[in-house]
Amino acid sequence: MLPIDVVADIDKLVGKRGRSAFITEVARDEIMRRKQRSALRKSFGAWEDKDHPELKRGSSAWVERIRSESEERFRQIQQRRHGG
């Protein structure tokens, strides 16, 4: 049983015919959110900085470096293809 005011608000949003689908969607979203939160709690502390020295300057710097390396490789490939 749901409180009448909650049912009325749901019906305003999705109509009486959409009530079950709405409640199902909201329930699934909440279940997923709680599972994710639980997984994050369980994995807290699993990451050791010493195991990932490449991220010492931060993940943004690492991503930027990886991207620039990819761009350089692409330029080299293009130069070889075009005889440069």
PDB file of N, CA and C in Angstrom:
ATOM      1  N   MET A   1       0.847  -1.183   0.000  1.00  0.00           N
ATOM      2  CA  MET A   1       0.000   0.000   0.000  1.00  0.00           C
ATOM      3  C   MET A   1       0.889   1.242   0.000  1.00  0.00           C
ATOM      4  N   LEU A   2       0.475   2.181  -0.816  1.00  0.00           N
ATOM      5  CA  LEU A   2       1.168   3.461  -0.881  1.00  0.00           C
ATOM      6  C   LEU A   2       0.271   4.550  -0.321  1.00  0.00           C
ATOM      7  N   PRO A   3       0.856   5.561   0.296  1.00  0.00           N
ATOM      8  CA  PRO A   3       0.044   6.685   0.771  1.00  0.00           C
ATOM      9  C   PRO A   3      -0.684   7.351  -0.397  1.00  0.00           C
ATOM     10  N   ILE A   4      -1.875   7.813  -0.144  1.00  0.00           N
ATOM     11  CA  ILE A   4      -2.726   8.408  -1.181  1.00  0.00           C
ATOM     12  C   ILE A   4      -2.046   9.599  -1.844  1.00  0.00           C
ATOM     13  N   ASP A   5      -1.358  10.432  -1.049  1.00  0.00           N
ATOM     14  CA  ASP A   5      -0.710  11.609  -1.639  1.00  0.00           C
ATOM     15  C   ASP A   5       0.418  11.222  -2.597  1.00  0.00           C
ATOM     16  N   VAL A   6       1.119  10.107  -2.277  1.00  0.00           N
ATOM     17  CA  VAL A   6       2.191   9.638  -3.167  1.00  0.00           C
ATOM     18  C   VAL A   6       1.593   9.126  -4.466  1.00  0.00           C
ATOM     19  N   VAL A   7       0.529   8.353  -4.365  1.00  0.00           N
ATOM     20  CA  VAL A   7      -0.148   7.842  -5.562  1.00  0.00           C
ATOM     21  C   VAL A   7      -0.657   8.994  -6.417  1.00  0.00           C
ATOM     22  N   ALA A   8      -1.227  10.000  -5.787  1.00  0.00           N
ATOM     23  CA  ALA A   8      -1.743  11.159  -6.525  1.00  0.00           C
ATOM     24  C   ALA A   8      -0.615  11.880  -7.254  1.00  0.00           C
ATOM     25  N   ASP A   9       0.520  12.038  -6.607  1.00  0.00           N
ATOM     26  CA  ASP A   9       1.659  12.697  -7.255  1.00  0.00           C
ATOM     27  C   ASP A   9       2.191  11.873  -8.418  1.00  0.00           C
ATOM     28  N   ILE A  10       2.265  10.564  -8.242  1.00  0.00           N
ATOM     29  CA  ILE A  10       2.707   9.697  -9.341  1.00  0.00           C
ATOM     30  C   ILE A  10       1.742   9.811 -10.513  1.00  0.00           C
ATOM     31  N   ASP A  11       0.451   9.757 -10.217  1.00  0.00           N
ATOM     32  CA  ASP A  11      -0.553   9.846 -11.282  1.00  0.00           C
ATOM     33  C   ASP A  11      -0.467  11.176 -12.024  1.00  0.00           C
ATOM     34  N   LYS A  12      -0.138  12.238 -11.320  1.00  0.00           N
ATOM     35  CA  LYS A  12       0.030  13.539 -11.988  1.00  0.00           C
ATOM     36  C   LYS A  12       1.208  13.512 -12.949  1.00  0.00           C
ATOM     37  N   LEU A  13       2.235  12.793 -12.565  1.00  0.00           N
ATOM     38  CA  LEU A  13       3.436  12.721 -13.401  1.00  0.00           C
ATOM     39  C   LEU A  13       3.270  11.810 -14.610  1.00  0.00           C
ATOM     40  N   VAL A  14       2.707  10.617 -14.382  1.00  0.00           N
ATOM     41  CA  VAL A  14       2.698   9.604 -15.447  1.00  0.00           C
ATOM     42  C   VAL A  14       1.319   9.054 -15.784  1.00  0.00           C
ATOM     43  N   GLY A  15       0.319   9.477 -15.066  1.00  0.00           N
ATOM     44  CA  GLY A  15      -1.031   8.956 -15.305  1.00  0.00           C
ATOM     45  C   GLY A  15      -1.231   7.614 -14.618  1.00  0.00           C
ATOM     46  N   LYS A  16      -2.501   7.256 -14.418  1.00  0.00           N
ATOM     47  CA  LYS A  16      -2.818   6.005 -13.720  1.00  0.00           C
ATOM     48  C   LYS A  16      -2.286   4.791 -14.462  1.00  0.00           C
ATOM     49  N   ARG A  17      -2.298   4.849 -15.778  1.00  0.00           N
ATOM     50  CA  ARG A  17      -1.847   3.697 -16.567  1.00  0.00           C
ATOM     51  C   ARG A  17      -0.328   3.547 -16.539  1.00  0.00           C
ATOM     52  N   GLY A  18       0.396   4.587 -16.149  1.00  0.00           N
ATOM     53  CA  GLY A  18       1.850   4.506 -16.105  1.00  0.00           C
ATOM     54  C   GLY A  18       2.405   4.286 -14.717  1.00  0.00           C
ATOM     55  N   ARG A  19       1.507   4.149 -13.758  1.00  0.00           N
ATOM     56  CA  ARG A  19       1.914   4.042 -12.352  1.00  0.00           C
ATOM     57  C   ARG A  19       2.843   2.854 -12.084  1.00  0.00           C
ATOM     58  N   SER A  20       2.471   1.663 -12.501  1.00  0.00           N
ATOM     59  CA  SER A  20       3.283   0.469 -12.227  1.00  0.00           C
ATOM     60  C   SER A  20       4.654   0.565 -12.880  1.00  0.00           C
ATOM     61  N   ALA A  21       4.674   1.013 -14.133  1.00  0.00           N
ATOM     62  CA  ALA A  21       5.956   1.146 -14.838  1.00  0.00           C
ATOM     63  C   ALA A  21       6.844   2.160 -14.135  1.00  0.00           C
ATOM     64  N   PHE A  22       6.271   3.257 -13.678  1.00  0.00           N
ATOM     65  CA  PHE A  22       7.029   4.283 -12.968  1.00  0.00           C
ATOM     66  C   PHE A  22       7.607   3.730 -11.674  1.00  0.00           C
ATOM     67  N   ILE A  23       6.785   3.048 -10.893  1.00  0.00           N
ATOM     68  CA  ILE A  23       7.239   2.498  -9.616  1.00  0.00           C
ATOM     69  C   ILE A  23       8.329   1.455  -9.858  1.00  0.00           C
ATOM     70  N   THR A  24       8.177   0.642 -10.889  1.00  0.00           N
ATOM     71  CA  THR A  24       9.189  -0.355 -11.231  1.00  0.00           C
ATOM     72  C   THR A  24      10.508   0.315 -11.598  1.00  0.00           C
ATOM     73  N   GLU A  25      10.438   1.350 -12.432  1.00  0.00           N
ATOM     74  CA  GLU A  25      11.647   2.066 -12.852  1.00  0.00           C
ATOM     75  C   GLU A  25      12.358   2.712 -11.662  1.00  0.00           C
ATOM     76  N   VAL A  26      11.593   3.363 -10.811  1.00  0.00           N
ATOM     77  CA  VAL A  26      12.173   4.021  -9.639  1.00  0.00           C
ATOM     78  C   VAL A  26      12.797   2.981  -8.707  1.00  0.00           C
ATOM     79  N   ALA A  27      12.126   1.857  -8.514  1.00  0.00           N
ATOM     80  CA  ALA A  27      12.653   0.810  -7.644  1.00  0.00           C
ATOM     81  C   ALA A  27      13.957   0.245  -8.214  1.00  0.00           C
ATOM     82  N   ARG A  28      13.998  -0.023  -9.520  1.00  0.00           N
ATOM     83  CA  ARG A  28      15.220  -0.547 -10.142  1.00  0.00           C
ATOM     84  C   ARG A  28      16.372   0.450 -10.016  1.00  0.00           C
ATOM     85  N   ASP A  29      16.083   1.720 -10.259  1.00  0.00           N
ATOM     86  CA  ASP A  29      17.118   2.746 -10.128  1.00  0.00           C
ATOM     87  C   ASP A  29      17.671   2.788  -8.709  1.00  0.00           C
ATOM     88  N   GLU A  30      16.797   2.716  -7.732  1.00  0.00           N
ATOM     89  CA  GLU A  30      17.231   2.768  -6.333  1.00  0.00           C
ATOM     90  C   GLU A  30      18.021   1.513  -5.961  1.00  0.00           C
ATOM     91  N   ILE A  31      17.603   0.363  -6.438  1.00  0.00           N
ATOM     92  CA  ILE A  31      18.340  -0.879  -6.173  1.00  0.00           C
ATOM     93  C   ILE A  31      19.748  -0.767  -6.744  1.00  0.00           C
ATOM     94  N   MET A  32      19.874  -0.285  -7.973  1.00  0.00           N
ATOM     95  CA  MET A  32      21.182  -0.128  -8.605  1.00  0.00           C
ATOM     96  C   MET A  32      22.049   0.864  -7.820  1.00  0.00           C
ATOM     97  N   ARG A  33      21.459   1.968  -7.422  1.00  0.00           N
ATOM     98  CA  ARG A  33      22.189   2.986  -6.663  1.00  0.00           C
ATOM     99  C   ARG A  33      22.720   2.404  -5.351  1.00  0.00           C
ATOM    100  N   ARG A  34      21.890   1.639  -4.656  1.00  0.00           N
ATOM    101  CA  ARG A  34      22.313   1.050  -3.381  1.00  0.00           C
ATOM    102  C   ARG A  34      23.397  -0.011  -3.580  1.00  0.00           C
ATOM    103  N   LYS A  35      23.289  -0.801  -4.655  1.00  0.00           N
ATOM    104  CA  LYS A  35      24.325  -1.790  -4.948  1.00  0.00           C
ATOM    105  C   LYS A  35      25.656  -1.095  -5.251  1.00  0.00           C
ATOM    106  N   GLN A  36      25.594  -0.024  -6.026  1.00  0.00           N
ATOM    107  CA  GLN A  36      26.815   0.720  -6.347  1.00  0.00           C
ATOM    108  C   GLN A  36      27.440   1.308  -5.089  1.00  0.00           C
ATOM    109  N   ARG A  37      26.615   1.890  -4.242  1.00  0.00           N
ATOM    110  CA  ARG A  37      27.116   2.476  -2.997  1.00  0.00           C
ATOM    111  C   ARG A  37      27.749   1.401  -2.116  1.00  0.00           C
ATOM    112  N   SER A  38      27.134   0.232  -2.058  1.00  0.00           N
ATOM    113  CA  SER A  38      27.677  -0.869  -1.275  1.00  0.00           C
ATOM    114  C   SER A  38      29.016  -1.329  -1.848  1.00  0.00           C
ATOM    115  N   ALA A  39      29.114  -1.439  -3.161  1.00  0.00           N
ATOM    116  CA  ALA A  39      30.364  -1.856  -3.796  1.00  0.00           C
ATOM    117  C   ALA A  39      31.468  -0.835  -3.523  1.00  0.00           C
ATOM    118  N   LEU A  40      31.128   0.440  -3.571  1.00  0.00           N
ATOM    119  CA  LEU A  40      32.123   1.477  -3.278  1.00  0.00           C
ATOM    120  C   LEU A  40      32.611   1.388  -1.836  1.00  0.00           C
ATOM    121  N   ARG A  41      31.690   1.147  -0.935  1.00  0.00           N
ATOM    122  CA  ARG A  41      32.076   1.014   0.477  1.00  0.00           C
ATOM    123  C   ARG A  41      33.009  -0.178   0.671  1.00  0.00           C
ATOM    124  N   LYS A  42      32.665  -1.308   0.040  1.00  0.00           N
ATOM    125  CA  LYS A  42      33.466  -2.522   0.201  1.00  0.00           C
ATOM    126  C   LYS A  42      34.852  -2.370  -0.407  1.00  0.00           C
ATOM    127  N   SER A  43      34.971  -1.589  -1.473  1.00  0.00           N
ATOM    128  CA  SER A  43      36.267  -1.461  -2.146  1.00  0.00           C
ATOM    129  C   SER A  43      37.110  -0.309  -1.607  1.00  0.00           C
ATOM    130  N   PHE A  44      36.568   0.443  -0.674  1.00  0.00           N
ATOM    131  CA  PHE A  44      37.311   1.571  -0.121  1.00  0.00           C
ATOM    132  C   PHE A  44      38.639   1.091   0.457  1.00  0.00           C
ATOM    133  N   GLY A  45      39.702   1.782   0.084  1.00  0.00           N
ATOM    134  CA  GLY A  45      41.026   1.441   0.588  1.00  0.00           C
ATOM    135  C   GLY A  45      41.754   0.413  -0.254  1.00  0.00           C
ATOM    136  N   ALA A  46      41.113  -0.130  -1.277  1.00  0.00           N
ATOM    137  CA  ALA A  46      41.752  -1.137  -2.129  1.00  0.00           C
ATOM    138  C   ALA A  46      42.817  -0.511  -3.026  1.00  0.00           C
ATOM    139  N   TRP A  47      42.688   0.767  -3.306  1.00  0.00           N
ATOM    140  CA  TRP A  47      43.618   1.472  -4.181  1.00  0.00           C
ATOM    141  C   TRP A  47      44.805   1.955  -3.367  1.00  0.00           C
ATOM    142  N   GLU A  48      45.983   1.546  -3.747  1.00  0.00           N
ATOM    143  CA  GLU A  48      47.205   1.964  -3.064  1.00  0.00           C
ATOM    144  C   GLU A  48      47.987   2.882  -3.997  1.00  0.00           C
ATOM    145  N   ASP A  49      48.328   4.075  -3.541  1.00  0.00           N
ATOM    146  CA  ASP A  49      49.085   5.019  -4.361  1.00  0.00           C
ATOM    147  C   ASP A  49      50.399   4.420  -4.847  1.00  0.00           C
ATOM    148  N   LYS A  50      51.043   3.621  -4.015  1.00  0.00           N
ATOM    149  CA  LYS A  50      52.331   3.035  -4.394  1.00  0.00           C
ATOM    150  C   LYS A  50      52.195   2.089  -5.589  1.00  0.00           C
ATOM    151  N   ASP A  51      51.008   1.547  -5.805  1.00  0.00           N
ATOM    152  CA  ASP A  51      50.784   0.639  -6.935  1.00  0.00           C
ATOM    153  C   ASP A  51      50.511   1.382  -8.245  1.00  0.00           C
ATOM    154  N   HIS A  52      50.324   2.689  -8.167  1.00  0.00           N
ATOM    155  CA  HIS A  52      49.976   3.486  -9.346  1.00  0.00           C
ATOM    156  C   HIS A  52      50.786   4.781  -9.401  1.00  0.00           C
ATOM    157  N   PRO A  53      52.105   4.656  -9.536  1.00  0.00           N
ATOM    158  CA  PRO A  53      52.948   5.859  -9.544  1.00  0.00           C
ATOM    159  C   PRO A  53      52.666   6.764 -10.742  1.00  0.00           C
ATOM    160  N   GLU A  54      52.104   6.207 -11.802  1.00  0.00           N
ATOM    161  CA  GLU A  54      51.798   7.016 -12.988  1.00  0.00           C
ATOM    162  C   GLU A  54      50.752   8.084 -12.701  1.00  0.00           C
ATOM    163  N   LEU A  55      50.042   7.949 -11.608  1.00  0.00           N
ATOM    164  CA  LEU A  55      48.998   8.914 -11.262  1.00  0.00           C
ATOM    165  C   LEU A  55      49.444   9.893 -10.181  1.00  0.00           C
ATOM    166  N   LYS A  56      50.739   9.920  -9.891  1.00  0.00           N
ATOM    167  CA  LYS A  56      51.246  10.770  -8.808  1.00  0.00           C
ATOM    168  C   LYS A  56      50.896  12.241  -9.030  1.00  0.00           C
ATOM    169  N   ARG A  57      50.939  12.703 -10.300  1.00  0.00           N
ATOM    170  CA  ARG A  57      50.615  14.097 -10.614  1.00  0.00           C
ATOM    171  C   ARG A  57      49.113  14.295 -10.843  1.00  0.00           C
ATOM    172  N   GLY A  58      48.329  13.262 -10.638  1.00  0.00           N
ATOM    173  CA  GLY A  58      46.887  13.355 -10.809  1.00  0.00           C
ATOM    174  C   GLY A  58      46.421  12.655 -12.075  1.00  0.00           C
ATOM    175  N   SER A  59      45.177  12.235 -12.070  1.00  0.00           N
ATOM    176  CA  SER A  59      44.649  11.484 -13.204  1.00  0.00           C
ATOM    177  C   SER A  59      44.533  12.347 -14.459  1.00  0.00           C
ATOM    178  N   SER A  60      44.267  13.639 -14.301  1.00  0.00           N
ATOM    179  CA  SER A  60      44.158  14.521 -15.468  1.00  0.00           C
ATOM    180  C   SER A  60      45.483  14.605 -16.211  1.00  0.00           C
ATOM    181  N   ALA A  61      46.569  14.717 -15.479  1.00  0.00           N
ATOM    182  CA  ALA A  61      47.894  14.779 -16.106  1.00  0.00           C
ATOM    183  C   ALA A  61      48.200  13.467 -16.816  1.00  0.00           C
ATOM    184  N   TRP A  62      47.821  12.349 -16.215  1.00  0.00           N
ATOM    185  CA  TRP A  62      48.059  11.046 -16.830  1.00  0.00           C
ATOM    186  C   TRP A  62      47.275  10.915 -18.128  1.00  0.00           C
ATOM    187  N   VAL A  63      46.001  11.292 -18.094  1.00  0.00           N
ATOM    188  CA  VAL A  63      45.162  11.217 -19.297  1.00  0.00           C
ATOM    189  C   VAL A  63      45.733  12.113 -20.389  1.00  0.00           C
ATOM    190  N   GLU A  64      46.158  13.304 -20.037  1.00  0.00           N
ATOM    191  CA  GLU A  64      46.745  14.230 -21.017  1.00  0.00           C
ATOM    192  C   GLU A  64      48.001  13.625 -21.648  1.00  0.00           C
ATOM    193  N   ARG A  65      48.843  13.000 -20.828  1.00  0.00           N
ATOM    194  CA  ARG A  65      50.061  12.370 -21.348  1.00  0.00           C
ATOM    195  C   ARG A  65      49.735  11.224 -22.293  1.00  0.00           C
ATOM    196  N   ILE A  66      48.791  10.380 -21.919  1.00  0.00           N
ATOM    197  CA  ILE A  66      48.393   9.246 -22.763  1.00  0.00           C
ATOM    198  C   ILE A  66      47.837   9.746 -24.090  1.00  0.00           C
ATOM    199  N   ARG A  67      47.021  10.771 -24.048  1.00  0.00           N
ATOM    200  CA  ARG A  67      46.450  11.322 -25.277  1.00  0.00           C
ATOM    201  C   ARG A  67      47.533  11.899 -26.179  1.00  0.00           C
ATOM    202  N   SER A  68      48.482  12.615 -25.600  1.00  0.00           N
ATOM    203  CA  SER A  68      49.534  13.205 -26.426  1.00  0.00           C
ATOM    204  C   SER A  68      50.407  12.112 -27.039  1.00  0.00           C
ATOM    205  N   GLU A  69      50.653  11.024 -26.302  1.00  0.00           N
ATOM    206  CA  GLU A  69      51.408   9.903 -26.862  1.00  0.00           C
ATOM    207  C   GLU A  69      50.656   9.283 -28.033  1.00  0.00           C
ATOM    208  N   SER A  70      49.342   9.150 -27.909  1.00  0.00           N
ATOM    209  CA  SER A  70      48.528   8.599 -28.999  1.00  0.00           C
ATOM    210  C   SER A  70      48.568   9.516 -30.211  1.00  0.00           C
ATOM    211  N   GLU A  71      48.485  10.816 -29.981  1.00  0.00           N
ATOM    212  CA  GLU A  71      48.527  11.771 -31.084  1.00  0.00           C
ATOM    213  C   GLU A  71      49.879  11.722 -31.788  1.00  0.00           C
ATOM    214  N   GLU A  72      50.961  11.584 -31.028  1.00  0.00           N
ATOM    215  CA  GLU A  72      52.299  11.504 -31.609  1.00  0.00           C
ATOM    216  C   GLU A  72      52.433  10.231 -32.452  1.00  0.00           C
ATOM    217  N   ARG A  73      51.948   9.107 -31.937  1.00  0.00           N
ATOM    218  CA  ARG A  73      51.987   7.865 -32.712  1.00  0.00           C
ATOM    219  C   ARG A  73      51.203   8.018 -34.004  1.00  0.00           C
ATOM    220  N   PHE A  74      50.054   8.656 -33.945  1.00  0.00           N
ATOM    221  CA  PHE A  74      49.232   8.871 -35.132  1.00  0.00           C
ATOM    222  C   PHE A  74      49.989   9.719 -36.155  1.00  0.00           C
ATOM    223  N   ARG A  75      50.656  10.791 -35.697  1.00  0.00           N
ATOM    224  CA  ARG A  75      51.432  11.642 -36.608  1.00  0.00           C
ATOM    225  C   ARG A  75      52.548  10.840 -37.280  1.00  0.00           C
ATOM    226  N   GLN A  76      53.222   9.991 -36.502  1.00  0.00           N
ATOM    227  CA  GLN A  76      54.298   9.183 -37.061  1.00  0.00           C
ATOM    228  C   GLN A  76      53.778   8.216 -38.119  1.00  0.00           C
ATOM    229  N   ILE A  77      52.648   7.605 -37.851  1.00  0.00           N
ATOM    230  CA  ILE A  77      52.046   6.683 -38.823  1.00  0.00           C
ATOM    231  C   ILE A  77      51.687   7.432 -40.096  1.00  0.00           C
ATOM    232  N   GLN A  78      51.097   8.600 -39.950  1.00  0.00           N
ATOM    233  CA  GLN A  78      50.712   9.404 -41.117  1.00  0.00           C
ATOM    234  C   GLN A  78      51.941   9.808 -41.927  1.00  0.00           C
ATOM    235  N   GLN A  79      53.026  10.164 -41.255  1.00  0.00           N
ATOM    236  CA  GLN A  79      54.245  10.551 -41.955  1.00  0.00           C
ATOM    237  C   GLN A  79      54.821   9.378 -42.751  1.00  0.00           C
ATOM    238  N   ARG A  80      54.788   8.183 -42.145  1.00  0.00           N
ATOM    239  CA  ARG A  80      55.306   6.999 -42.858  1.00  0.00           C
ATOM    240  C   ARG A  80      54.448   6.688 -44.069  1.00  0.00           C
ATOM    241  N   ARG A  81      53.141   6.831 -43.937  1.00  0.00           N
ATOM    242  CA  ARG A  81      52.251   6.547 -45.055  1.00  0.00           C
ATOM    243  C   ARG A  81      52.424   7.510 -46.222  1.00  0.00           C
ATOM    244  N   HIS A  82      52.770   8.716 -45.881  1.00  0.00           N
ATOM    245  CA  HIS A  82      52.867   9.761 -46.911  1.00  0.00           C
ATOM    246  C   HIS A  82      54.320  10.059 -47.293  1.00  0.00           C
ATOM    247  N   GLY A  83      55.218   9.152 -46.907  1.00  0.00           N
ATOM    248  CA  GLY A  83      56.606   9.284 -47.295  1.00  0.00           C
ATOM    249  C   GLY A  83      57.359  10.385 -46.609  1.00  0.00           C
ATOM    250  N   GLY A  84      56.908  10.790 -45.429  1.00  0.00           N
ATOM    251  CA  GLY A  84      57.577  11.912 -44.766  1.00  0.00           C
ATOM    252  C   GLY A  84      58.391  11.464 -43.671  1.00  0.00           C
TER     253      GLY A  84
END
